[in-house]
Amino acid sequence: MRRRVSFVSLLLGLLYLTALGLAGVLIWQTLMLARALPEVQAAAAEIALATATPVPTAVPMIVLPTPVPPTPMPTVEVPDPGPVNYHPKSGRYIVAWLPPLFEGGARDSFFANADIIDDISPFWYSTDASGRLFGTRNDDLVRIAHEHNIRIIPSIHNVTATPGVVAGVLRNPAIRARHVQHIVDEVLARGYDGIDIDYESLDPSLRADYTAFIVELSTALRQHEKLLTVAVHAKSSDFGGLGGFQDWVAIGPYIDQLRIMTYDYHWRGSGPGPVAPAYWINAVAEYAQSVIDPAKVLIGVHFYGYDWPPSGRATARTWRVIEEIINSQGSTVNFMERNSSGPVEESYFSYRSAEGTRQVWFMTETGLGSKIQTIQAMDLAGIAIWQLGYEKPEYWRIVRESMVKDTAHVQRALTPLIPDH
C-alpha cells in the first residue's frame, strides 16, 4: 500500500511539472509575439508609405533641369539654429526666394546683401499625394543664414510636373493632417525659423480646404514659436485673378507674412507687355491693406524680365542675359512711364532674331523705387524678391537708399509714447 501511494504521488508530481513546463512555454511565446507586434506594424507602415508614387522635384524658373524622381528626405543630425536677432534689420522687411541650389548668382547676391536681408526662402520642397515632403535641402545654408542673422523659411510649392497633387492633399482631412505633421517635423528637425507655403493656381472650390490647411499649420507651428508665410496670387478683389481660392481675410490672423506675387501681369503665355505695371501694384496693395494687417503685407518684386517671340510663349531672362542682348543687338531701351490704364514705369526694347522681332520687358530702378514708395505710403511690411541672382546690380542701390534709411521701425516704437496715441 505504501509503495502504491508513493508511485501515484510520483506520477502526479511528474504530471504537475510537465503542466508547469507547458505553461511556461506558452507564456514565453505570448511575450515574444507581443514584443514583435510593433515591429510588424512598423514594417507594414513603411511598406505602405514606400509604395506612394514620388512626385518630380520642382522646376525652377529660368533654370530648367530635367525633372527626376525625388527621394524622401533622409534623417541626419539636427543643425544648431544659432541666435536670431531683431527683425526687420531696416525699417521694413527685405525677404527673398532662392533657387534650390545655393550657388552662382544667388550665392553672390546673398553674401553681397546679407547685412540687409531679413528672410530667405529656398525653393526646396514639394509634396506627394500622401502628404510627404520631397525635394532638396542644404543644412549648410541654414548655418550660414543664421550666422548672418537671416531667418530661413523654406518654400513648399506645387510648381511641379503634377501641380494638382496638392488638391487631393488639401481636400482630405486625414491626409492634410499628415501633411501638416510632416511639415512641422521637418521645420523642427532642420532648425528652420518657419515655412513658406506657395501653392498656386488651385481651383476656387478649394477655398475652404486651403483656409483649413493654413489654420491647422499655423496652429501647429505656433506651438513651437515658428513662422508661417504664404505666397499668394495678386488680386484687387476677393475672387480676382488666380487667387479666388485664397481667402485673405480668413487666413490673415494665422500668418506672419502675406507675400503677394505682384508680377506676371503679362506672363509667359500672354502677349508682350509690362510684367508688373505700377497701376496694378497700387490696386493690389490698396486691396490688401483693406483686408489684412498692413504690417504683414509684402509686395512681390520681380528681378527677372520676359523675352517674347513674335508668337508663342515668352522666355524668362536674368538681367545679365538681358544686358548681353542689348549690347550684342545694339538695342534702344525705351521707358514706358504710363499708358491709358495709369502709371507703368517699366522698360522695354525690341531686337531681331531668326524668328522675327522679339520684345523684352523688365523692371527699371525707377519702377522699383516707385514700388517701394507705395509700400512706404501704405505702411506695408516690405518687399519679397523673386529671386536672388536674377537682378540688375543697381536694384540693390535703390533698395538700400529707400529701405535701409527708412525709419519706420523707429516711428512705430515712438508712436505709443506720444500723447493721444
Protein backbone atom coordinates (compact mmCIF):
# COMPACT_ATOMS: atom_id res chain seq x y z
CA MET A 1 0.00 0.00 0.00
CA ARG A 2 2.80 2.38 0.90
CA ARG A 3 4.64 1.57 -2.38
CA ARG A 4 1.45 2.17 -4.42
CA VAL A 5 0.89 5.57 -2.81
CA SER A 6 4.49 6.55 -3.50
CA PHE A 7 4.17 5.57 -7.18
CA VAL A 8 0.93 7.54 -7.61
CA SER A 9 2.46 10.55 -5.88
CA LEU A 10 5.46 10.34 -8.16
CA LEU A 11 3.24 10.13 -11.24
CA LEU A 12 1.15 13.13 -10.14
CA GLY A 13 4.29 15.11 -9.45
CA LEU A 14 5.60 14.41 -12.94
CA LEU A 15 2.28 15.47 -14.49
CA TYR A 16 2.30 18.68 -12.44
CA LEU A 17 5.85 19.55 -13.50
CA THR A 18 5.00 18.84 -17.14
CA ALA A 19 1.99 21.17 -16.93
CA LEU A 20 4.13 23.89 -15.39
CA GLY A 21 6.65 23.49 -18.20
CA LEU A 22 3.99 23.78 -20.92
CA ALA A 23 2.52 26.85 -19.24
CA GLY A 24 5.95 28.46 -19.16
CA VAL A 25 6.49 27.77 -22.84
CA LEU A 26 3.08 29.28 -23.72
CA ILE A 27 3.77 32.40 -21.62
CA TRP A 28 7.20 32.83 -23.25
CA GLN A 29 5.71 32.53 -26.77
CA THR A 30 2.99 35.05 -25.91
CA LEU A 31 5.57 37.55 -24.68
CA MET A 32 7.65 37.13 -27.83
CA LEU A 33 4.62 37.70 -30.06
CA ALA A 34 3.64 40.83 -28.14
CA ARG A 35 7.15 42.15 -28.40
CA ALA A 36 7.30 41.53 -32.15
CA LEU A 37 3.91 43.11 -32.91
CA PRO A 38 5.07 46.79 -33.01
CA GLU A 39 7.91 45.81 -35.37
CA VAL A 40 5.45 44.09 -37.69
CA GLN A 41 3.13 47.07 -37.61
CA ALA A 42 6.01 49.48 -38.25
CA ALA A 43 7.24 47.39 -41.15
CA ALA A 44 3.75 47.32 -42.62
CA ALA A 45 3.51 51.10 -42.29
CA GLU A 46 6.88 51.59 -44.00
CA ILE A 47 5.83 49.39 -46.88
CA ALA A 48 2.56 51.26 -47.25
CA LEU A 49 4.33 54.62 -47.34
CA ALA A 50 7.06 53.41 -49.63
CA THR A 51 4.55 52.46 -52.29
CA ALA A 52 3.41 56.09 -52.76
CA THR A 53 4.28 57.39 -56.22
CA PRO A 54 7.07 60.03 -55.97
CA VAL A 55 6.38 63.47 -57.44
CA PRO A 56 9.12 65.07 -59.60
CA THR A 57 11.06 67.88 -57.98
CA ALA A 58 10.22 71.48 -58.80
CA VAL A 59 11.48 73.06 -61.99
CA PRO A 60 12.81 76.49 -61.01
CA MET A 61 12.08 79.39 -63.32
CA ILE A 62 14.75 80.15 -65.95
CA VAL A 63 16.98 77.24 -64.94
CA LEU A 64 15.21 74.25 -66.49
CA PRO A 65 16.88 70.96 -65.49
CA THR A 66 15.33 67.64 -66.46
CA PRO A 67 12.89 66.62 -63.69
CA VAL A 68 13.95 63.45 -61.89
CA PRO A 69 12.01 61.31 -59.41
CA PRO A 70 12.82 62.61 -55.92
CA THR A 71 13.64 60.59 -52.85
CA PRO A 72 12.28 61.11 -49.33
CA MET A 73 14.29 63.36 -47.05
CA PRO A 74 16.97 61.40 -45.16
CA THR A 75 17.34 61.83 -41.43
CA VAL A 76 20.63 63.40 -40.36
CA GLU A 77 21.96 65.22 -37.33
CA VAL A 78 19.90 68.27 -36.37
CA PRO A 79 21.80 71.51 -37.13
CA ASP A 80 22.29 74.18 -34.47
CA PRO A 81 19.93 77.03 -35.42
CA GLY A 82 22.10 79.66 -33.73
CA PRO A 83 20.89 83.04 -32.44
CA VAL A 84 18.41 85.10 -34.45
CA ASN A 85 18.16 88.77 -33.54
CA TYR A 86 15.89 91.71 -34.23
CA HIS A 87 13.92 91.97 -37.47
CA PRO A 88 13.40 93.83 -39.67
CA LYS A 89 17.01 94.94 -39.93
CA SER A 90 15.94 98.12 -41.69
CA GLY A 91 12.65 99.97 -41.45
CA ARG A 92 10.85 97.26 -43.44
CA TYR A 93 11.32 93.60 -44.27
CA ILE A 94 13.53 92.56 -47.16
CA VAL A 95 12.91 88.91 -47.98
CA ALA A 96 13.92 86.84 -51.00
CA TRP A 97 13.25 83.49 -52.57
CA LEU A 98 16.29 81.45 -53.61
CA PRO A 99 16.67 78.75 -56.28
CA PRO A 100 17.04 75.17 -54.99
CA LEU A 101 20.85 75.25 -55.30
CA PHE A 102 22.84 77.81 -53.33
CA GLU A 103 25.39 78.70 -55.99
CA GLY A 104 26.28 81.16 -58.74
CA GLY A 105 24.49 84.49 -58.80
CA ALA A 106 22.19 83.58 -55.92
CA ARG A 107 25.12 82.87 -53.64
CA ASP A 108 26.98 86.02 -54.71
CA SER A 109 23.88 88.17 -54.19
CA PHE A 110 23.24 86.63 -50.78
CA PHE A 111 26.68 87.48 -49.42
CA ALA A 112 26.71 90.93 -51.03
CA ASN A 113 23.44 91.88 -49.30
CA ALA A 114 23.31 89.69 -46.20
CA ASP A 115 23.54 92.77 -44.00
CA ILE A 116 20.07 93.96 -45.03
CA ILE A 117 18.22 90.71 -45.93
CA ASP A 118 15.82 89.55 -43.22
CA ASP A 119 14.44 86.25 -44.55
CA ILE A 120 15.34 83.80 -47.30
CA SER A 121 13.07 81.12 -48.73
CA PRO A 122 14.92 78.48 -50.76
CA PHE A 123 12.60 76.74 -53.21
CA TRP A 124 13.25 73.31 -51.69
CA TYR A 125 10.12 71.25 -51.13
CA SER A 126 7.04 69.80 -52.79
CA THR A 127 4.56 67.13 -51.66
CA ASP A 128 3.29 63.81 -52.93
CA ALA A 129 -0.29 62.53 -52.73
CA SER A 130 0.28 61.12 -49.23
CA GLY A 131 1.38 64.49 -47.83
CA ARG A 132 5.07 63.61 -47.55
CA LEU A 133 7.76 66.16 -48.45
CA PHE A 134 10.19 65.72 -51.33
CA GLY A 135 12.91 67.84 -52.88
CA THR A 136 16.25 69.12 -51.69
CA ARG A 137 17.72 70.99 -48.75
CA ASN A 138 21.02 72.39 -47.53
CA ASP A 139 21.89 72.32 -43.84
CA ASP A 140 24.99 74.41 -44.56
CA LEU A 141 22.79 77.25 -45.82
CA VAL A 142 20.80 77.09 -42.57
CA ARG A 143 24.02 77.65 -40.64
CA ILE A 144 25.22 80.41 -42.96
CA ALA A 145 21.89 82.23 -42.83
CA HIS A 146 21.78 82.21 -39.03
CA GLU A 147 25.38 83.36 -38.82
CA HIS A 148 24.28 86.44 -40.80
CA ASN A 149 21.13 86.95 -38.68
CA ILE A 150 18.91 85.90 -41.58
CA ARG A 151 15.84 83.78 -40.88
CA ILE A 152 15.48 80.75 -43.13
CA ILE A 153 11.91 79.94 -44.13
CA PRO A 154 12.00 77.36 -46.96
CA SER A 155 9.20 77.16 -49.52
CA ILE A 156 6.90 74.21 -50.09
CA HIS A 157 5.37 74.60 -53.55
CA ASN A 158 3.42 72.87 -56.28
CA VAL A 159 5.41 74.28 -59.21
CA THR A 160 5.97 70.73 -60.41
CA ALA A 161 5.03 68.44 -63.28
CA THR A 162 1.90 67.47 -61.30
CA PRO A 163 0.68 70.65 -59.56
CA GLY A 164 -2.78 69.18 -58.92
CA VAL A 165 -1.47 66.69 -56.36
CA VAL A 166 -1.87 69.38 -53.70
CA ALA A 167 -5.62 69.49 -54.28
CA GLY A 168 -6.06 65.90 -53.09
CA VAL A 169 -3.93 66.58 -50.02
CA LEU A 170 -5.96 69.64 -49.02
CA ARG A 171 -9.35 68.05 -49.62
CA ASN A 172 -8.75 65.00 -47.41
CA PRO A 173 -8.67 66.00 -43.70
CA ALA A 174 -6.64 62.92 -42.71
CA ILE A 175 -4.00 63.44 -45.42
CA ARG A 176 -3.98 67.18 -44.71
CA ALA A 177 -3.29 66.50 -41.04
CA ARG A 178 -0.48 64.14 -42.00
CA HIS A 179 0.92 66.82 -44.33
CA VAL A 180 0.90 69.35 -41.50
CA GLN A 181 2.73 66.90 -39.25
CA HIS A 182 5.40 66.22 -41.88
CA ILE A 183 5.95 69.96 -42.30
CA VAL A 184 6.25 70.64 -38.58
CA ASP A 185 8.59 67.67 -38.11
CA GLU A 186 10.85 68.94 -40.90
CA VAL A 187 10.89 72.52 -39.57
CA LEU A 188 11.88 71.32 -36.11
CA ALA A 189 14.41 68.74 -37.31
CA ARG A 190 16.23 71.17 -39.62
CA GLY A 191 16.25 74.19 -37.32
CA TYR A 192 14.22 76.40 -39.68
CA ASP A 193 12.59 79.61 -38.48
CA GLY A 194 9.35 78.69 -40.18
CA ILE A 195 7.91 77.58 -43.51
CA ASP A 196 6.62 79.33 -46.64
CA ILE A 197 3.59 77.89 -48.45
CA ASP A 198 3.49 78.54 -52.20
CA TYR A 199 0.54 76.55 -53.53
CA GLU A 200 -0.52 78.16 -56.80
CA SER A 201 -3.33 78.12 -59.38
CA LEU A 202 -5.76 75.96 -57.42
CA ASP A 203 -9.47 75.79 -58.16
CA PRO A 204 -11.71 78.22 -56.23
CA SER A 205 -13.63 75.18 -54.91
CA LEU A 206 -10.61 74.54 -52.65
CA ARG A 207 -11.07 77.84 -50.81
CA ALA A 208 -12.37 76.32 -47.56
CA ASP A 209 -9.84 73.46 -47.65
CA TYR A 210 -6.93 75.83 -48.28
CA THR A 211 -8.05 78.03 -45.38
CA ALA A 212 -8.38 74.99 -43.09
CA PHE A 213 -4.86 73.90 -44.04
CA ILE A 214 -3.37 77.33 -43.25
CA VAL A 215 -5.21 77.48 -39.91
CA GLU A 216 -4.10 73.96 -38.92
CA LEU A 217 -0.50 74.50 -39.99
CA SER A 218 -0.29 77.86 -38.24
CA THR A 219 -1.68 76.41 -35.02
CA ALA A 220 0.88 73.59 -35.09
CA LEU A 221 3.83 75.88 -35.91
CA ARG A 222 2.95 78.47 -33.28
CA GLN A 223 3.13 75.81 -30.59
CA HIS A 224 6.86 75.79 -31.36
CA GLU A 225 7.19 79.56 -31.99
CA LYS A 226 7.78 79.04 -35.72
CA LEU A 227 6.70 81.39 -38.52
CA LEU A 228 4.24 80.81 -41.33
CA THR A 229 4.50 82.86 -44.51
CA VAL A 230 2.24 82.46 -47.54
CA ALA A 231 2.87 83.35 -51.19
CA VAL A 232 -0.42 84.46 -52.73
CA HIS A 233 -1.63 85.44 -56.19
CA ALA A 234 -2.01 89.17 -56.70
CA LYS A 235 -5.60 90.37 -56.78
CA SER A 236 -7.50 93.61 -56.27
CA SER A 237 -10.77 91.95 -55.22
CA ASP A 238 -11.65 88.82 -53.26
CA PHE A 239 -12.12 86.47 -56.20
CA GLY A 240 -9.89 88.34 -58.63
CA GLY A 241 -7.33 86.70 -60.90
CA LEU A 242 -5.96 83.29 -59.92
CA GLY A 243 -6.36 83.89 -56.20
CA GLY A 244 -10.00 83.01 -55.67
CA PHE A 245 -9.03 80.00 -53.55
CA GLN A 246 -7.03 82.22 -51.17
CA ASP A 247 -9.24 83.96 -48.61
CA TRP A 248 -7.01 86.75 -47.29
CA VAL A 249 -9.48 87.80 -44.60
CA ALA A 250 -9.74 84.27 -43.18
CA ILE A 251 -6.03 83.41 -43.23
CA GLY A 252 -4.78 86.86 -42.15
CA PRO A 253 -4.81 86.22 -38.38
CA TYR A 254 -2.92 82.93 -38.80
CA ILE A 255 0.04 84.01 -40.92
CA ASP A 256 3.12 86.12 -40.26
CA GLN A 257 3.65 87.35 -43.82
CA LEU A 258 1.37 87.64 -46.85
CA ARG A 259 3.81 87.66 -49.76
CA ILE A 260 1.86 88.92 -52.76
CA MET A 261 3.22 87.77 -56.11
CA THR A 262 2.78 91.15 -57.79
CA TYR A 263 4.43 90.14 -61.05
CA ASP A 264 3.43 88.26 -64.21
CA TYR A 265 0.67 90.73 -65.08
CA HIS A 266 1.94 89.94 -68.56
CA TRP A 267 3.32 86.43 -68.36
CA ARG A 268 4.91 83.68 -70.42
CA GLY A 269 1.66 82.73 -72.12
CA SER A 270 0.38 86.25 -72.79
CA GLY A 271 1.42 88.80 -75.35
CA PRO A 272 4.28 91.20 -74.55
CA GLY A 273 3.77 93.97 -72.02
CA PRO A 274 4.84 95.22 -68.57
CA VAL A 275 5.47 92.44 -66.06
CA ALA A 276 4.30 94.48 -63.06
CA PRO A 277 2.78 97.84 -64.06
CA ALA A 278 2.61 100.41 -61.28
CA TYR A 279 -1.16 100.98 -61.61
CA TRP A 280 -1.75 97.27 -60.94
CA ILE A 281 0.64 97.21 -57.98
CA ASN A 282 -1.22 100.14 -56.43
CA ALA A 283 -4.63 98.48 -56.85
CA VAL A 284 -3.43 95.20 -55.32
CA ALA A 285 -1.72 96.98 -52.42
CA GLU A 286 -4.84 99.04 -51.67
CA TYR A 287 -7.00 95.92 -51.55
CA ALA A 288 -4.51 94.07 -49.33
CA GLN A 289 -4.32 96.99 -46.93
CA SER A 290 -8.11 96.99 -46.62
CA VAL A 291 -8.48 93.33 -45.61
CA ILE A 292 -5.34 92.34 -43.71
CA ASP A 293 -2.97 93.89 -41.20
CA PRO A 294 -0.61 96.05 -43.34
CA ALA A 295 2.30 95.03 -41.10
CA LYS A 296 2.01 91.51 -42.61
CA VAL A 297 1.80 92.54 -46.28
CA LEU A 298 4.87 92.22 -48.52
CA ILE A 299 4.81 93.35 -52.14
CA GLY A 300 6.49 90.98 -54.60
CA VAL A 301 9.33 92.40 -56.70
CA HIS A 302 10.47 90.68 -59.90
CA PHE A 303 14.21 90.58 -60.50
CA TYR A 304 13.74 88.99 -63.95
CA GLY A 305 12.36 90.06 -67.34
CA TYR A 306 10.42 88.37 -70.13
CA ASP A 307 11.56 87.95 -73.73
CA TRP A 308 8.62 87.40 -76.12
CA PRO A 309 8.98 85.89 -79.62
CA PRO A 310 6.74 87.10 -82.49
CA SER A 311 4.28 84.40 -81.40
CA GLY A 312 4.33 81.82 -78.62
CA ARG A 313 5.48 81.72 -75.02
CA ALA A 314 7.99 84.15 -73.54
CA THR A 315 11.32 83.14 -72.05
CA ALA A 316 12.28 84.43 -68.59
CA ARG A 317 15.61 86.26 -68.61
CA THR A 318 18.02 87.29 -65.90
CA TRP A 319 19.39 90.82 -66.06
CA ARG A 320 22.77 89.50 -67.17
CA VAL A 321 21.20 87.88 -70.25
CA ILE A 322 19.08 90.97 -70.97
CA GLU A 323 22.19 93.13 -70.83
CA GLU A 324 24.02 90.80 -73.23
CA ILE A 325 21.13 91.04 -75.70
CA ILE A 326 21.09 94.86 -75.51
CA ASN A 327 24.85 95.07 -76.07
CA SER A 328 25.02 92.48 -78.84
CA GLN A 329 21.99 93.82 -80.72
CA GLY A 330 22.62 97.49 -80.14
CA SER A 331 19.03 97.81 -78.99
CA THR A 332 17.48 101.09 -77.87
CA VAL A 333 15.85 100.76 -74.45
CA ASN A 334 12.57 102.60 -74.02
CA PHE A 335 10.83 103.59 -70.79
CA MET A 336 7.03 103.47 -70.52
CA GLU A 337 6.07 105.94 -67.86
CA ARG A 338 2.32 105.39 -68.22
CA ASN A 339 -0.37 104.13 -70.55
CA SER A 340 -4.15 104.51 -70.73
CA SER A 341 -4.56 102.48 -67.51
CA GLY A 342 -2.20 104.63 -65.44
CA PRO A 343 1.48 104.67 -64.41
CA VAL A 344 3.54 101.73 -65.73
CA GLU A 345 7.22 102.53 -65.06
CA GLU A 346 8.89 99.65 -66.88
CA SER A 347 11.45 99.42 -69.66
CA TYR A 348 11.27 97.52 -72.95
CA PHE A 349 13.14 97.05 -76.20
CA SER A 350 12.93 95.03 -79.41
CA TYR A 351 15.54 93.09 -81.34
CA ARG A 352 15.76 90.94 -84.42
CA SER A 353 16.10 87.16 -84.29
CA ALA A 354 15.77 84.22 -86.68
CA GLU A 355 12.11 84.02 -85.64
CA GLY A 356 11.48 87.70 -86.30
CA THR A 357 11.24 90.68 -83.96
CA ARG A 358 11.28 89.84 -80.25
CA GLN A 359 10.29 92.17 -77.40
CA VAL A 360 11.74 92.28 -73.88
CA TRP A 361 10.20 93.91 -70.79
CA PHE A 362 11.97 94.35 -67.44
CA MET A 363 11.91 96.43 -64.26
CA THR A 364 13.95 99.62 -64.03
CA GLU A 365 15.39 101.30 -60.97
CA THR A 366 12.66 103.94 -61.32
CA GLY A 367 9.97 101.26 -61.23
CA LEU A 368 11.49 99.61 -58.18
CA GLY A 369 11.70 102.96 -56.43
CA SER A 370 8.02 103.55 -57.20
CA LYS A 371 7.04 100.17 -55.68
CA ILE A 372 8.96 100.99 -52.51
CA GLN A 373 7.26 104.40 -52.30
CA THR A 374 3.88 102.65 -52.50
CA ILE A 375 4.91 100.34 -49.66
CA GLN A 376 6.03 103.26 -47.54
CA ALA A 377 2.93 105.35 -48.28
CA MET A 378 0.65 102.49 -47.20
CA ASP A 379 2.97 101.45 -44.35
CA LEU A 380 3.21 97.86 -45.62
CA ALA A 381 5.70 95.34 -44.24
CA GLY A 382 8.25 95.33 -47.08
CA ILE A 383 9.28 93.52 -50.26
CA ALA A 384 9.52 89.87 -51.33
CA ILE A 385 12.03 89.34 -54.15
CA TRP A 386 11.75 86.68 -56.86
CA GLN A 387 14.56 85.71 -56.86
CA LEU A 388 18.16 86.25 -55.74
CA GLY A 389 20.72 86.09 -58.54
CA TYR A 390 18.48 87.35 -61.36
CA GLU A 391 18.88 91.03 -60.64
CA LYS A 392 20.41 94.16 -62.09
CA PRO A 393 23.03 95.28 -59.50
CA GLU A 394 21.54 98.77 -59.39
CA TYR A 395 18.37 97.33 -57.85
CA TRP A 396 20.20 96.88 -54.58
CA ARG A 397 21.33 100.52 -54.60
CA ILE A 398 17.68 101.58 -54.78
CA VAL A 399 16.73 99.15 -52.01
CA ARG A 400 19.49 100.45 -49.76
CA GLU A 401 18.74 104.12 -50.45
CA SER A 402 14.99 103.70 -49.99
CA MET A 403 14.58 101.00 -47.35
CA VAL A 404 17.68 100.86 -45.19
CA LYS A 405 17.27 104.55 -44.37
CA ASP A 406 13.54 104.07 -43.75
CA THR A 407 12.86 104.94 -40.10
CA ALA A 408 9.51 103.14 -39.96
CA HIS A 409 10.51 100.89 -37.06
CA VAL A 410 11.68 103.89 -35.03
CA GLN A 411 8.41 105.70 -35.72
CA ARG A 412 6.39 102.63 -34.68
CA ALA A 413 8.33 102.41 -31.42
CA LEU A 414 7.79 106.10 -30.59
CA THR A 415 4.11 106.32 -31.56
CA PRO A 416 2.75 104.65 -28.37
CA LEU A 417 4.78 107.14 -26.29
CA ILE A 418 3.22 110.19 -27.93
CA PRO A 419 0.17 111.64 -26.10
CA ASP A 420 -3.21 110.76 -27.67
CA HIS A 421 -1.75 107.69 -29.45
